[in-house]
Amino acid sequence: MWLVTKAVNLKFVHITIVFILILLTLPSVTLADQYSYVYGKVVNEYGSSLSNVQVQFYTLNGALAASTNTSSDGSFSLWLTYGTYSLQFTKTGYAKTMQSVLVQWLDTDLGVITLNKALKLSSSSLGLAAEPSSVLNIQFSVGNLGTIPETVSFLVDAPADWSSKVLDGSKEVVGVYLSTGQSMSLQLELTVSPNAQAYVGYNVSLTAFGSSNSTLTFNIYVKPKATVLVTGRVLDENGARLENVSVCTYSSDGLPLEVTYTDFNGDFKVMLPASTAVTLNLMKEGYVKSSKNLQLKNANISVGDITLSKTIKLYSSTLNVTSNPGNKILMPFTISNLGDEAEPVSFKVEGAEDWGAKILLPQSNMEVSKVYLSPGSSLSLQLDLTIPPSFTGERRVSITASYRETSSLEFYVQVKQTDTNIVLCSFPGKSASAGDTVRFQVKLNNPTNILQRFTVSVNHVPQGWITSVKNAAGESVVDTVLDGNSYAELTVQVIIPSDTEAGNYTLMFSASSLYSFGDIPLLVAVTKSTSSLSFEASPPYFDTYAGSQARFTLNVSNLGGSSELFNLSIQGLPSDFKGWFESSAKQRITK
């Protein structure tokens, strides 16, 4: 084979000689084998040469036929006998690459073989448009195409005032573990800076680090921010429009957006970014701050009327009262500080200047004119009013609490003349005989809340009759002093002369004070009396000596229908005898 027998062109002779020289370098070559010179080059995904890549040729039955490594320029070469081989390229940090090759020519050029990195980042979204302050969630996947497990960490390179994080669902991750052939879907969350310039594209790169690294670059185009007009009106609790209320707006992450103020009609308007969640904080000195959350879309929106409550709130469960002249009224109320700051509060009562109005602490009845309320605290108080005894009609009484603002509470008081009789008697009519003494139990009430002095009397008394008014101690009285809402038990005593004709007699018991009056008729029915007197002596006779005393015990009984006054006398007594009557108390009596 390697002898030239006839003349050929110079080029062919040259090749033949080289071939013979190469054959001379092969070890243990027999003339029956046919060899091919196999060569190629290995590069990475970007076309750069890869050195030290292991290149292995396997026969169809899986036996290793030959092996070599790439040089510094990524090239490799070796001699193989003709045949079909499975060619395998491996390098740490790169995916193993396999291909089948048929070697049947003297010269076999495998060309350029590209090895992919073991870590593979991929995403279907590499260019996105966003507005300033918007949040982007970019789906991406990371896969391990290598032959060994990988512990992968991430690094995001974004503009300085942008924020970013890698998420697995709702959890932030900084690294993952991938077994051979495993891939994982993750999200890159990007928050565009509120200062990002519109119409400018920004590059954000995501790099995964393992035995090798892989990088994705996203281009974020910042578009002008869409805005919507938000309008509304602010009122107080009574529906009055509030001027100079500050309306501060914030993004969902608490960043301030815009500030505006209500006009003299209580109206406000503010331009805010569309398709965002915002919070409106409405504030005015002396009022409780109010917040309203809005989910803005792409259309203008009106939030309607917003009511601000005053910081200091007065409250009472009783606002309408009906009472009587002279009564004292206690109107309980509560004052609360609903604000975030302590408030000194002073009080003023209007509409009750002649009613002795004062504000009291219920526990001690101490009068107060000013209190200090810490944030969120409440205090129970009461309005003390004394209605003049001469007043009837209606009156509106208001309490004003003054602080940086004013809060008021109004009471409506209706005063009616009392229709309660101040004099009561359970048995205003009695039957008696001439000469009897009749007693009526009378109850005198003070219907007011104030102390009163009453004058009591019995009028229309028949001639010769004797009347008196006695207290519980039996003393005759013409005046009595009663505390508010108290009463006195009195006795009207009537002595009927013994010569009184039978018939009905009406007396009038009256009680009066400076502000109250009452009376009640007392009926005495005088009946014809039938006297029936019984004497019984014990013993009926007595033996004694001259100069000694004889004492008889007499039982005197009135068996008639009325009380009787009897004169006692002894008849038939010798002139030199002395006789008299004694009571059981040894007192001499004649009647």
Protein backbone atom coordinates (compact mmCIF):
# COMPACT_ATOMS: atom_id res chain seq x y z
CA MET A 1 0.00 0.00 0.00
CA TRP A 2 2.66 2.47 0.72
CA LEU A 3 4.72 1.86 -2.60
CA VAL A 4 4.10 4.22 -5.46
CA THR A 5 4.44 2.41 -8.81
CA LYS A 6 3.66 5.14 -11.32
CA ALA A 7 3.84 8.81 -11.59
CA VAL A 8 0.93 10.83 -10.11
CA ASN A 9 0.47 14.51 -9.37
CA LEU A 10 2.57 15.99 -6.67
CA LYS A 11 -0.32 16.74 -4.32
CA PHE A 12 -1.44 13.10 -4.20
CA VAL A 13 2.11 11.87 -3.57
CA HIS A 14 2.44 14.33 -0.73
CA ILE A 15 -0.71 13.10 0.93
CA THR A 16 0.23 9.53 0.50
CA ILE A 17 3.57 10.04 2.15
CA VAL A 18 1.98 11.81 5.12
CA PHE A 19 -0.50 9.03 5.49
CA ILE A 20 2.31 6.49 5.48
CA LEU A 21 4.14 8.48 8.13
CA ILE A 22 1.06 8.68 10.35
CA LEU A 23 0.49 4.98 9.99
CA LEU A 24 3.99 4.38 11.09
CA THR A 25 3.15 6.16 14.40
CA LEU A 26 0.13 3.97 15.28
CA PRO A 27 0.90 1.27 17.86
CA SER A 28 0.26 -2.34 17.05
CA VAL A 29 -1.41 -1.67 13.72
CA THR A 30 -2.08 -4.55 11.46
CA LEU A 31 -2.56 -4.25 7.74
CA ALA A 32 -6.12 -5.70 8.14
CA ASP A 33 -7.45 -2.78 10.31
CA GLN A 34 -8.88 0.37 8.78
CA TYR A 35 -8.44 3.52 10.87
CA SER A 36 -9.97 6.98 10.76
CA TYR A 37 -8.53 10.16 12.14
CA VAL A 38 -11.38 11.56 14.31
CA TYR A 39 -11.23 15.12 15.57
CA GLY A 40 -13.45 18.06 16.69
CA LYS A 41 -13.83 20.99 19.06
CA VAL A 42 -15.93 21.54 22.22
CA VAL A 43 -17.33 24.96 23.13
CA ASN A 44 -19.83 26.33 25.63
CA GLU A 45 -23.19 27.98 24.91
CA TYR A 46 -21.49 31.24 24.07
CA GLY A 47 -18.95 29.69 21.64
CA SER A 48 -15.99 29.82 24.01
CA SER A 49 -13.56 26.88 23.93
CA LEU A 50 -13.84 24.37 26.75
CA SER A 51 -10.68 22.68 27.93
CA ASN A 52 -10.35 19.42 29.84
CA VAL A 53 -13.64 18.02 28.57
CA GLN A 54 -13.55 14.26 28.76
CA VAL A 55 -14.34 12.70 25.34
CA GLN A 56 -15.24 9.00 25.42
CA PHE A 57 -16.11 6.60 22.58
CA TYR A 58 -18.15 3.49 23.34
CA THR A 59 -18.84 0.55 21.11
CA LEU A 60 -22.38 -0.61 20.47
CA ASN A 61 -22.05 -3.22 23.19
CA GLY A 62 -21.08 -0.48 25.70
CA ALA A 63 -17.34 -1.13 25.85
CA LEU A 64 -15.04 1.88 26.09
CA ALA A 65 -13.15 2.06 22.81
CA ALA A 66 -11.15 5.27 23.31
CA SER A 67 -10.95 8.32 25.57
CA THR A 68 -9.24 11.68 25.46
CA ASN A 69 -9.56 15.26 26.87
CA THR A 70 -9.84 18.55 25.06
CA SER A 71 -6.86 20.83 24.97
CA SER A 72 -6.79 24.48 26.04
CA ASP A 73 -8.35 25.55 22.73
CA GLY A 74 -11.15 22.97 23.15
CA SER A 75 -9.92 20.66 20.41
CA PHE A 76 -9.50 16.89 20.57
CA SER A 77 -8.34 14.14 18.16
CA LEU A 78 -7.66 10.41 18.16
CA TRP A 79 -7.51 7.35 15.85
CA LEU A 80 -10.45 4.97 15.72
CA THR A 81 -11.09 1.89 13.69
CA TYR A 82 -14.03 2.02 11.40
CA GLY A 83 -17.35 1.41 13.07
CA THR A 84 -20.33 2.96 14.91
CA TYR A 85 -19.69 4.57 18.27
CA SER A 86 -21.56 6.31 21.04
CA LEU A 87 -19.70 9.52 21.78
CA GLN A 88 -19.97 11.08 25.28
CA PHE A 89 -18.71 14.52 26.44
CA THR A 90 -18.55 15.26 30.18
CA LYS A 91 -17.24 18.15 32.22
CA THR A 92 -18.03 19.25 35.76
CA GLY A 93 -20.60 22.03 35.74
CA TYR A 94 -21.92 21.09 32.31
CA ALA A 95 -24.61 18.81 31.08
CA LYS A 96 -23.41 15.50 29.73
CA THR A 97 -23.74 15.38 25.95
CA MET A 98 -24.01 12.16 23.92
CA GLN A 99 -24.20 11.51 20.22
CA SER A 100 -23.80 8.60 17.81
CA VAL A 101 -21.08 8.72 15.17
CA LEU A 102 -20.29 6.48 12.18
CA VAL A 103 -16.57 6.22 11.45
CA GLN A 104 -16.03 4.97 7.94
CA TRP A 105 -13.64 7.39 6.30
CA LEU A 106 -10.00 7.98 6.59
CA ASP A 107 -10.72 11.50 7.90
CA THR A 108 -13.71 12.09 10.34
CA ASP A 109 -14.42 15.68 11.35
CA LEU A 110 -16.97 15.86 14.17
CA GLY A 111 -17.17 19.64 13.94
CA VAL A 112 -18.02 21.84 16.92
CA ILE A 113 -19.79 20.24 19.86
CA THR A 114 -21.60 22.61 22.26
CA LEU A 115 -21.92 21.75 25.95
CA ASN A 116 -24.69 23.39 27.96
CA LYS A 117 -24.10 24.37 31.55
CA ALA A 118 -25.48 22.03 34.16
CA LEU A 119 -27.57 24.87 35.67
CA LYS A 120 -30.22 26.18 33.32
CA LEU A 121 -32.29 29.32 33.95
CA SER A 122 -35.21 29.91 31.62
CA SER A 123 -38.18 32.22 31.43
CA SER A 124 -40.81 33.00 28.85
CA SER A 125 -40.79 36.67 29.90
CA LEU A 126 -37.56 38.50 29.24
CA GLY A 127 -38.95 41.90 28.34
CA LEU A 128 -41.66 43.56 30.42
CA ALA A 129 -43.29 46.98 30.79
CA ALA A 130 -44.08 48.43 34.20
CA GLU A 131 -44.96 51.67 35.94
CA PRO A 132 -43.00 53.33 38.74
CA SER A 133 -43.73 51.74 42.14
CA SER A 134 -45.34 48.72 40.51
CA VAL A 135 -44.51 45.16 41.52
CA LEU A 136 -43.61 42.55 38.90
CA ASN A 137 -43.77 38.79 39.46
CA ILE A 138 -41.68 37.07 36.78
CA GLN A 139 -41.97 33.30 36.48
CA PHE A 140 -38.74 31.40 35.80
CA SER A 141 -37.43 27.88 36.14
CA VAL A 142 -34.06 26.55 37.23
CA GLY A 143 -32.96 23.04 36.19
CA ASN A 144 -30.04 20.74 36.93
CA LEU A 145 -28.93 19.13 33.65
CA GLY A 146 -25.70 17.84 35.16
CA THR A 147 -24.64 14.50 36.50
CA ILE A 148 -24.35 15.52 40.16
CA PRO A 149 -26.83 17.18 42.60
CA GLU A 150 -26.53 20.94 42.85
CA THR A 151 -26.95 23.40 45.73
CA VAL A 152 -27.99 26.57 43.95
CA SER A 153 -27.92 30.14 45.26
CA PHE A 154 -29.33 33.23 43.55
CA LEU A 155 -28.12 36.76 42.99
CA VAL A 156 -30.23 39.55 41.51
CA ASP A 157 -28.51 42.57 40.00
CA ALA A 158 -31.06 45.43 39.77
CA PRO A 159 -30.88 49.24 39.91
CA ALA A 160 -29.91 50.56 43.31
CA ASP A 161 -33.34 51.82 44.42
CA TRP A 162 -35.25 48.77 43.18
CA SER A 163 -36.08 45.89 45.50
CA SER A 164 -36.10 42.23 44.53
CA LYS A 165 -36.49 38.76 45.97
CA VAL A 166 -36.83 35.18 44.76
CA LEU A 167 -40.03 33.45 45.87
CA ASP A 168 -41.22 29.88 46.04
CA GLY A 169 -44.94 30.55 46.27
CA SER A 170 -45.23 33.01 49.16
CA LYS A 171 -41.87 32.08 50.74
CA GLU A 172 -38.69 33.96 50.00
CA VAL A 173 -35.74 31.71 49.11
CA VAL A 174 -32.02 32.40 48.74
CA GLY A 175 -31.02 28.90 47.59
CA VAL A 176 -32.44 25.56 46.48
CA TYR A 177 -31.21 21.95 46.21
CA LEU A 178 -31.63 20.23 42.87
CA SER A 179 -31.00 16.56 42.26
CA THR A 180 -29.81 15.35 38.85
CA GLY A 181 -32.37 16.09 36.19
CA GLN A 182 -34.64 18.07 38.55
CA SER A 183 -36.11 21.49 37.72
CA MET A 184 -38.07 23.95 39.84
CA SER A 185 -40.43 26.83 39.03
CA LEU A 186 -39.86 30.03 41.02
CA GLN A 187 -40.77 33.72 40.82
CA LEU A 188 -38.63 36.80 40.73
CA GLU A 189 -40.45 39.66 42.48
CA LEU A 190 -39.29 43.11 41.38
CA THR A 191 -40.51 46.40 42.84
CA VAL A 192 -39.87 49.23 40.43
CA SER A 193 -38.54 52.36 42.07
CA PRO A 194 -41.07 55.22 42.35
CA ASN A 195 -38.26 57.39 40.96
CA ALA A 196 -37.75 55.26 37.87
CA GLN A 197 -37.79 57.41 34.73
CA ALA A 198 -40.54 56.84 32.23
CA TYR A 199 -39.66 55.74 28.67
CA VAL A 200 -36.38 54.16 29.91
CA GLY A 201 -35.43 50.47 29.78
CA TYR A 202 -33.63 48.96 32.79
CA ASN A 203 -31.73 45.65 32.82
CA VAL A 204 -32.15 43.26 35.73
CA SER A 205 -30.06 40.09 35.79
CA LEU A 206 -30.72 36.90 37.75
CA THR A 207 -27.78 34.55 38.27
CA ALA A 208 -27.91 31.01 39.65
CA PHE A 209 -24.65 29.78 41.23
CA GLY A 210 -23.69 26.12 41.62
CA SER A 211 -20.86 24.05 40.15
CA SER A 212 -21.35 26.47 37.27
CA ASN A 213 -23.56 29.51 36.92
CA SER A 214 -26.37 30.60 34.66
CA THR A 215 -27.72 34.08 34.06
CA LEU A 216 -31.01 35.50 32.79
CA THR A 217 -31.28 39.16 31.85
CA PHE A 218 -34.66 40.89 31.92
CA ASN A 219 -35.32 44.22 30.28
CA ILE A 220 -37.87 46.32 32.17
CA TYR A 221 -39.34 49.18 30.19
CA VAL A 222 -40.78 51.87 32.46
CA LYS A 223 -43.92 53.45 31.09
CA PRO A 224 -45.69 56.57 32.37
CA LYS A 225 -47.88 55.94 35.37
CA ALA A 226 -51.64 56.01 34.74
CA THR A 227 -53.61 58.14 37.20
CA VAL A 228 -57.20 58.47 38.33
CA LEU A 229 -59.02 61.34 40.03
CA VAL A 230 -60.33 60.60 43.52
CA THR A 231 -62.94 63.02 44.92
CA GLY A 232 -64.97 63.22 48.12
CA ARG A 233 -66.47 65.43 50.80
CA VAL A 234 -65.81 65.60 54.55
CA LEU A 235 -68.58 66.34 57.08
CA ASP A 236 -68.82 66.50 60.85
CA GLU A 237 -71.24 64.41 62.91
CA ASN A 238 -74.01 66.96 62.41
CA GLY A 239 -73.61 67.00 58.64
CA ALA A 240 -71.75 70.33 58.53
CA ARG A 241 -69.00 70.58 55.90
CA LEU A 242 -65.46 70.68 57.22
CA GLU A 243 -62.84 72.97 55.72
CA ASN A 244 -59.04 72.50 55.85
CA VAL A 245 -59.15 68.78 56.52
CA SER A 246 -55.83 67.28 55.41
CA VAL A 247 -56.19 64.31 53.06
CA CYS A 248 -52.93 62.30 53.05
CA THR A 249 -52.64 59.38 50.66
CA TYR A 250 -50.35 56.36 51.01
CA SER A 251 -49.48 53.35 48.91
CA SER A 252 -50.19 49.83 50.15
CA ASP A 253 -46.64 49.60 51.53
CA GLY A 254 -47.00 52.85 53.47
CA LEU A 255 -45.17 55.19 51.12
CA PRO A 256 -46.62 58.73 51.00
CA LEU A 257 -48.19 59.70 47.68
CA GLU A 258 -50.10 63.00 47.65
CA VAL A 259 -51.47 65.51 50.19
CA THR A 260 -54.43 67.82 49.67
CA TYR A 261 -56.96 69.78 51.78
CA THR A 262 -60.72 70.22 51.74
CA ASP A 263 -62.10 73.54 50.54
CA PHE A 264 -64.79 75.68 52.22
CA ASN A 265 -67.43 73.21 50.98
CA GLY A 266 -65.58 70.27 52.51
CA ASP A 267 -64.71 68.91 49.05
CA PHE A 268 -61.35 67.44 48.04
CA LYS A 269 -59.82 65.95 44.92
CA VAL A 270 -56.48 64.22 44.37
CA MET A 271 -54.74 62.48 41.47
CA LEU A 272 -53.49 58.99 42.36
CA PRO A 273 -51.86 56.12 40.45
CA ALA A 274 -54.36 53.83 38.75
CA SER A 275 -54.68 50.10 39.42
CA THR A 276 -53.23 50.36 42.91
CA ALA A 277 -54.36 49.97 46.50
CA VAL A 278 -54.16 53.24 48.42
CA THR A 279 -55.12 54.53 51.87
CA LEU A 280 -56.68 57.93 52.54
CA ASN A 281 -55.94 59.41 55.98
CA LEU A 282 -58.20 62.36 56.85
CA MET A 283 -57.09 64.56 59.76
CA LYS A 284 -58.19 67.81 61.37
CA GLU A 285 -57.25 69.21 64.76
CA GLY A 286 -59.94 68.40 67.30
CA TYR A 287 -61.30 65.47 65.28
CA VAL A 288 -60.60 61.74 65.27
CA LYS A 289 -58.45 60.62 62.34
CA SER A 290 -60.34 58.58 59.76
CA SER A 291 -58.83 56.15 57.24
CA LYS A 292 -60.33 54.75 54.06
CA ASN A 293 -58.80 52.00 51.93
CA LEU A 294 -59.37 52.11 48.18
CA GLN A 295 -58.63 49.65 45.38
CA LEU A 296 -58.20 51.96 42.41
CA LYS A 297 -58.82 50.79 38.87
CA ASN A 298 -58.54 52.79 35.68
CA ALA A 299 -61.57 55.05 36.16
CA ASN A 300 -62.09 58.15 38.28
CA ILE A 301 -63.79 57.46 41.60
CA SER A 302 -65.86 59.39 44.15
CA VAL A 303 -65.70 58.18 47.75
CA GLY A 304 -68.80 60.19 48.70
CA ASP A 305 -69.25 61.73 52.15
CA ILE A 306 -66.78 60.90 54.90
CA THR A 307 -67.74 61.79 58.48
CA LEU A 308 -65.15 62.88 61.06
CA SER A 309 -66.06 62.52 64.73
CA LYS A 310 -64.92 65.08 67.25
CA THR A 311 -62.14 64.04 69.59
CA ILE A 312 -64.21 64.81 72.69
CA LYS A 313 -67.58 63.08 72.79
CA LEU A 314 -70.42 63.81 75.22
CA TYR A 315 -73.02 61.09 75.69
CA SER A 316 -76.08 60.52 77.84
CA SER A 317 -78.73 57.80 77.67
CA THR A 318 -81.29 60.28 79.07
CA LEU A 319 -81.93 63.41 77.06
CA ASN A 320 -85.63 64.17 77.80
CA VAL A 321 -86.89 64.59 81.37
CA THR A 322 -90.28 65.49 82.85
CA SER A 323 -90.30 66.83 86.42
CA ASN A 324 -92.16 69.09 88.85
CA PRO A 325 -91.44 72.55 90.23
CA GLY A 326 -88.97 72.58 93.06
CA ASN A 327 -87.44 69.24 92.12
CA LYS A 328 -83.74 68.54 91.86
CA ILE A 329 -82.67 66.74 88.68
CA LEU A 330 -79.47 64.73 88.23
CA MET A 331 -78.64 64.16 84.56
CA PRO A 332 -75.83 61.57 84.17
CA PHE A 333 -73.50 61.87 81.17
CA THR A 334 -70.16 60.55 79.98
CA ILE A 335 -67.29 62.45 78.40
CA SER A 336 -64.76 60.48 76.32
CA ASN A 337 -61.48 61.28 74.58
CA LEU A 338 -61.46 59.36 71.29
CA GLY A 339 -58.24 60.97 70.06
CA ASP A 340 -54.56 60.10 70.23
CA GLU A 341 -53.57 63.01 72.48
CA ALA A 342 -54.46 64.09 76.03
CA GLU A 343 -57.03 66.89 76.16
CA PRO A 344 -57.79 69.48 78.89
CA VAL A 345 -61.54 70.12 78.74
CA SER A 346 -63.57 72.90 80.38
CA PHE A 347 -67.36 72.95 80.79
CA LYS A 348 -70.09 75.52 80.34
CA VAL A 349 -73.80 75.04 81.07
CA GLU A 350 -76.27 77.18 79.16
CA GLY A 351 -80.03 77.55 79.50
CA ALA A 352 -80.13 76.89 83.25
CA GLU A 353 -78.57 80.02 84.74
CA ASP A 354 -81.39 80.37 87.34
CA TRP A 355 -81.51 76.67 88.11
CA GLY A 356 -78.28 76.45 90.13
CA ALA A 357 -76.64 74.31 87.47
CA LYS A 358 -73.38 72.55 88.34
CA ILE A 359 -71.40 69.54 87.13
CA LEU A 360 -70.55 66.95 89.76
CA LEU A 361 -68.42 63.85 90.19
CA PRO A 362 -71.00 61.18 91.12
CA GLN A 363 -68.82 59.45 93.72
CA SER A 364 -67.97 62.51 95.79
CA ASN A 365 -70.50 65.14 94.62
CA MET A 366 -67.51 67.38 94.05
CA GLU A 367 -68.20 70.19 91.61
CA VAL A 368 -65.91 70.31 88.58
CA SER A 369 -65.42 72.90 85.87
CA LYS A 370 -62.42 71.39 84.05
CA VAL A 371 -61.06 67.88 83.52
CA TYR A 372 -57.96 66.34 81.91
CA LEU A 373 -58.61 63.33 79.70
CA SER A 374 -55.86 61.01 78.53
CA PRO A 375 -56.19 59.31 75.10
CA GLY A 376 -58.92 56.70 75.01
CA SER A 377 -60.23 57.51 78.50
CA SER A 378 -63.78 58.26 79.68
CA LEU A 379 -65.24 59.96 82.75
CA SER A 380 -68.75 59.71 84.21
CA LEU A 381 -70.24 62.99 85.43
CA GLN A 382 -73.69 64.38 86.23
CA LEU A 383 -75.44 67.67 85.68
CA ASP A 384 -77.14 68.90 88.87
CA LEU A 385 -80.22 71.13 88.31
CA THR A 386 -82.72 72.52 90.83
CA ILE A 387 -85.99 73.64 89.24
CA PRO A 388 -87.37 76.80 90.80
CA PRO A 389 -90.65 75.94 92.62
CA SER A 390 -92.42 78.67 90.67
CA PHE A 391 -91.33 77.43 87.22
CA THR A 392 -93.51 75.46 84.84
CA GLY A 393 -92.99 74.94 81.14
CA GLU A 394 -90.11 73.75 78.93
CA ARG A 395 -86.40 74.43 79.04
CA ARG A 396 -83.46 73.35 76.88
CA VAL A 397 -80.24 72.97 78.83
CA SER A 398 -76.92 72.37 77.06
CA ILE A 399 -73.45 71.36 78.21
CA THR A 400 -70.53 72.58 76.08
CA ALA A 401 -67.10 70.93 76.42
CA SER A 402 -64.35 73.22 75.13
CA TYR A 403 -60.92 71.96 74.03
CA ARG A 404 -59.25 72.59 70.66
CA GLU A 405 -62.81 72.31 69.38
CA THR A 406 -66.18 72.24 71.14
CA SER A 407 -68.67 69.42 71.69
CA SER A 408 -72.19 69.89 73.02
CA LEU A 409 -74.92 67.83 74.61
CA GLU A 410 -78.49 69.15 74.92
CA PHE A 411 -81.16 68.10 77.43
CA TYR A 412 -84.88 68.85 77.14
CA VAL A 413 -86.65 69.43 80.49
CA GLN A 414 -90.43 69.68 80.75
CA VAL A 415 -91.73 71.00 84.10
CA LYS A 416 -95.35 70.28 85.02
CA GLN A 417 -97.24 71.36 88.12
CA THR A 418 -97.56 68.38 90.40
CA ASP A 419 -101.03 66.84 90.58
CA THR A 420 -100.15 64.82 93.67
CA ASN A 421 -102.12 65.77 96.80
CA ILE A 422 -99.65 66.58 99.49
CA VAL A 423 -102.17 65.62 102.23
CA LEU A 424 -103.48 62.08 102.57
CA CYS A 425 -105.79 60.44 105.08
CA SER A 426 -106.81 56.80 104.89
CA PHE A 427 -109.99 57.33 107.01
CA PRO A 428 -111.17 60.89 106.45
CA GLY A 429 -114.65 60.22 107.87
CA LYS A 430 -115.48 59.02 111.40
CA SER A 431 -118.58 58.58 113.58
CA ALA A 432 -118.64 59.83 117.18
CA SER A 433 -121.01 60.93 119.91
CA ALA A 434 -121.26 64.30 121.55
CA GLY A 435 -118.48 64.70 124.06
CA ASP A 436 -116.20 62.27 122.23
CA THR A 437 -112.65 62.97 121.01
CA VAL A 438 -111.96 62.00 117.40
CA ARG A 439 -108.50 61.51 115.93
CA PHE A 440 -107.57 61.47 112.23
CA GLN A 441 -104.18 60.12 111.05
CA VAL A 442 -102.92 62.47 108.32
CA LYS A 443 -99.83 62.06 106.10
CA LEU A 444 -98.16 65.25 104.84
CA ASN A 445 -95.84 64.84 101.81
CA ASN A 446 -93.15 67.15 100.45
CA PRO A 447 -93.39 66.39 96.71
CA THR A 448 -90.30 68.41 95.78
CA ASN A 449 -86.58 67.70 96.05
CA ILE A 450 -85.99 70.72 98.23
CA LEU A 451 -86.55 71.34 101.95
CA GLN A 452 -89.87 73.08 102.69
CA ARG A 453 -91.60 74.51 105.76
CA PHE A 454 -95.31 73.76 105.91
CA THR A 455 -97.96 75.53 107.99
CA VAL A 456 -100.75 73.19 109.12
CA SER A 457 -104.21 74.16 110.34
CA VAL A 458 -107.75 72.91 110.78
CA ASN A 459 -110.41 75.17 109.31
CA HIS A 460 -114.22 75.29 109.29
CA VAL A 461 -114.29 74.17 112.91
CA PRO A 462 -117.80 74.33 114.49
CA GLN A 463 -118.20 76.68 117.44
CA GLY A 464 -117.17 75.16 120.71
CA TRP A 465 -115.20 72.38 119.13
CA ILE A 466 -111.56 72.06 120.05
CA THR A 467 -109.02 70.94 117.41
CA SER A 468 -105.27 70.47 117.40
CA VAL A 469 -102.58 68.97 115.16
CA LYS A 470 -100.07 66.73 116.89
CA ASN A 471 -96.79 65.17 115.74
CA ALA A 472 -95.69 61.62 116.40
CA ALA A 473 -94.50 62.63 119.87
CA GLY A 474 -97.96 63.95 120.75
CA GLU A 475 -96.90 67.59 120.65
CA SER A 476 -99.21 70.16 119.17
CA VAL A 477 -97.68 71.77 116.06
CA VAL A 478 -98.59 74.53 113.64
CA ASP A 479 -95.47 74.25 111.40
CA THR A 480 -93.36 71.36 110.24
CA VAL A 481 -90.14 71.28 108.14
CA LEU A 482 -89.73 68.45 105.62
CA ASP A 483 -86.72 67.46 103.56
CA GLY A 484 -87.18 66.90 99.83
CA ASN A 485 -89.36 63.88 99.01
CA SER A 486 -90.04 63.17 102.68
CA TYR A 487 -93.28 63.04 104.70
CA ALA A 488 -94.61 63.46 108.24
CA GLU A 489 -97.28 61.48 110.09
CA LEU A 490 -99.63 63.90 111.90
CA THR A 491 -102.73 63.46 114.07
CA VAL A 492 -105.69 65.84 113.86
CA GLN A 493 -107.47 65.69 117.19
CA VAL A 494 -111.07 66.91 117.43
CA ILE A 495 -112.90 67.26 120.79
CA ILE A 496 -116.68 67.31 120.33
CA PRO A 497 -118.64 69.24 122.94
CA SER A 498 -121.12 67.12 124.89
CA ASP A 499 -124.01 69.35 123.90
CA THR A 500 -123.37 68.93 120.18
CA GLU A 501 -126.42 68.07 118.19
CA ALA A 502 -126.35 64.95 116.11
CA GLY A 503 -125.37 65.48 112.45
CA ASN A 504 -122.50 65.58 109.94
CA TYR A 505 -119.77 68.12 110.44
CA THR A 506 -116.96 68.78 107.91
CA LEU A 507 -113.65 70.24 109.00
CA MET A 508 -110.84 71.16 106.56
CA PHE A 509 -107.23 70.22 107.27
CA SER A 510 -104.82 72.40 105.27
CA ALA A 511 -101.04 72.41 104.73
CA SER A 512 -99.18 75.08 102.78
CA SER A 513 -95.62 76.15 102.05
CA LEU A 514 -94.08 78.80 99.87
CA TYR A 515 -94.42 76.54 96.82
CA SER A 516 -96.94 73.81 97.73
CA PHE A 517 -100.48 73.63 99.05
CA GLY A 518 -102.89 70.85 99.91
CA ASP A 519 -105.99 70.23 101.96
CA ILE A 520 -108.40 67.45 102.79
CA PRO A 521 -111.92 67.49 104.26
CA LEU A 522 -112.45 65.54 107.51
CA LEU A 523 -116.00 64.37 108.19
CA VAL A 524 -117.30 63.87 111.74
CA ALA A 525 -120.69 62.20 111.99
CA VAL A 526 -122.10 63.01 115.48
CA THR A 527 -124.72 60.55 116.73
CA LYS A 528 -127.10 60.80 119.69
CA SER A 529 -125.29 59.34 122.68
CA THR A 530 -127.00 57.07 125.20
CA SER A 531 -125.24 57.11 128.49
CA SER A 532 -124.96 53.84 130.39
CA LEU A 533 -122.82 53.93 133.50
CA SER A 534 -122.10 50.94 135.69
CA PHE A 535 -120.56 50.98 139.20
CA GLU A 536 -119.41 47.91 140.99
CA ALA A 537 -117.88 48.06 144.50
CA SER A 538 -115.53 45.47 145.88
CA PRO A 539 -116.21 44.76 148.67
CA PRO A 540 -119.69 46.27 148.77
CA TYR A 541 -119.43 46.80 152.56
CA PHE A 542 -116.64 47.24 155.05
CA ASP A 543 -116.26 46.78 158.87
CA THR A 544 -113.73 49.00 160.59
CA TYR A 545 -112.91 50.87 163.77
CA ALA A 546 -113.57 54.50 164.57
CA GLY A 547 -110.73 56.73 163.37
CA SER A 548 -109.57 54.31 160.68
CA GLN A 549 -110.02 54.41 156.88
CA ALA A 550 -112.32 52.30 154.80
CA ARG A 551 -111.29 51.90 151.17
CA PHE A 552 -113.65 50.58 148.51
CA THR A 553 -112.47 49.49 145.09
CA LEU A 554 -114.87 50.77 142.41
CA ASN A 555 -115.05 49.44 138.84
CA VAL A 556 -116.61 52.13 136.66
CA SER A 557 -117.86 51.02 133.21
CA ASN A 558 -119.19 53.07 130.29
CA LEU A 559 -121.61 50.80 128.50
CA GLY A 560 -122.78 53.51 126.13
CA GLY A 561 -121.94 54.12 122.50
CA SER A 562 -119.73 57.16 123.00
CA SER A 563 -117.07 58.50 125.29
CA GLU A 564 -118.41 60.17 128.42
CA LEU A 565 -117.06 62.64 130.96
CA PHE A 566 -118.48 61.90 134.43
CA ASN A 567 -118.37 63.99 137.60
CA LEU A 568 -117.71 61.92 140.69
CA SER A 569 -119.41 62.68 144.05
CA ILE A 570 -120.33 60.87 147.31
CA GLN A 571 -123.86 61.26 148.67
CA GLY A 572 -125.21 60.31 152.14
CA LEU A 573 -121.87 60.78 153.87
CA PRO A 574 -122.22 61.77 157.57
CA SER A 575 -121.00 65.26 158.30
CA ASP A 576 -118.06 64.12 160.38
CA PHE A 577 -116.95 61.64 157.69
CA LYS A 578 -114.51 62.54 154.92
CA GLY A 579 -114.63 60.83 151.52
CA TRP A 580 -112.78 61.15 148.15
CA PHE A 581 -111.93 59.28 144.95
CA GLU A 582 -108.47 58.08 143.93
CA SER A 583 -107.19 56.76 140.64
CA SER A 584 -105.22 53.56 140.42
CA ALA A 585 -102.15 55.79 140.63
CA LYS A 586 -103.33 57.07 144.09
CA GLN A 587 -104.13 60.49 142.61
CA ARG A 588 -107.27 62.19 143.89
CA ILE A 589 -109.79 62.74 141.08
CA THR A 590 -113.20 64.35 140.73
CA LYS A 591 -114.00 63.40 137.12
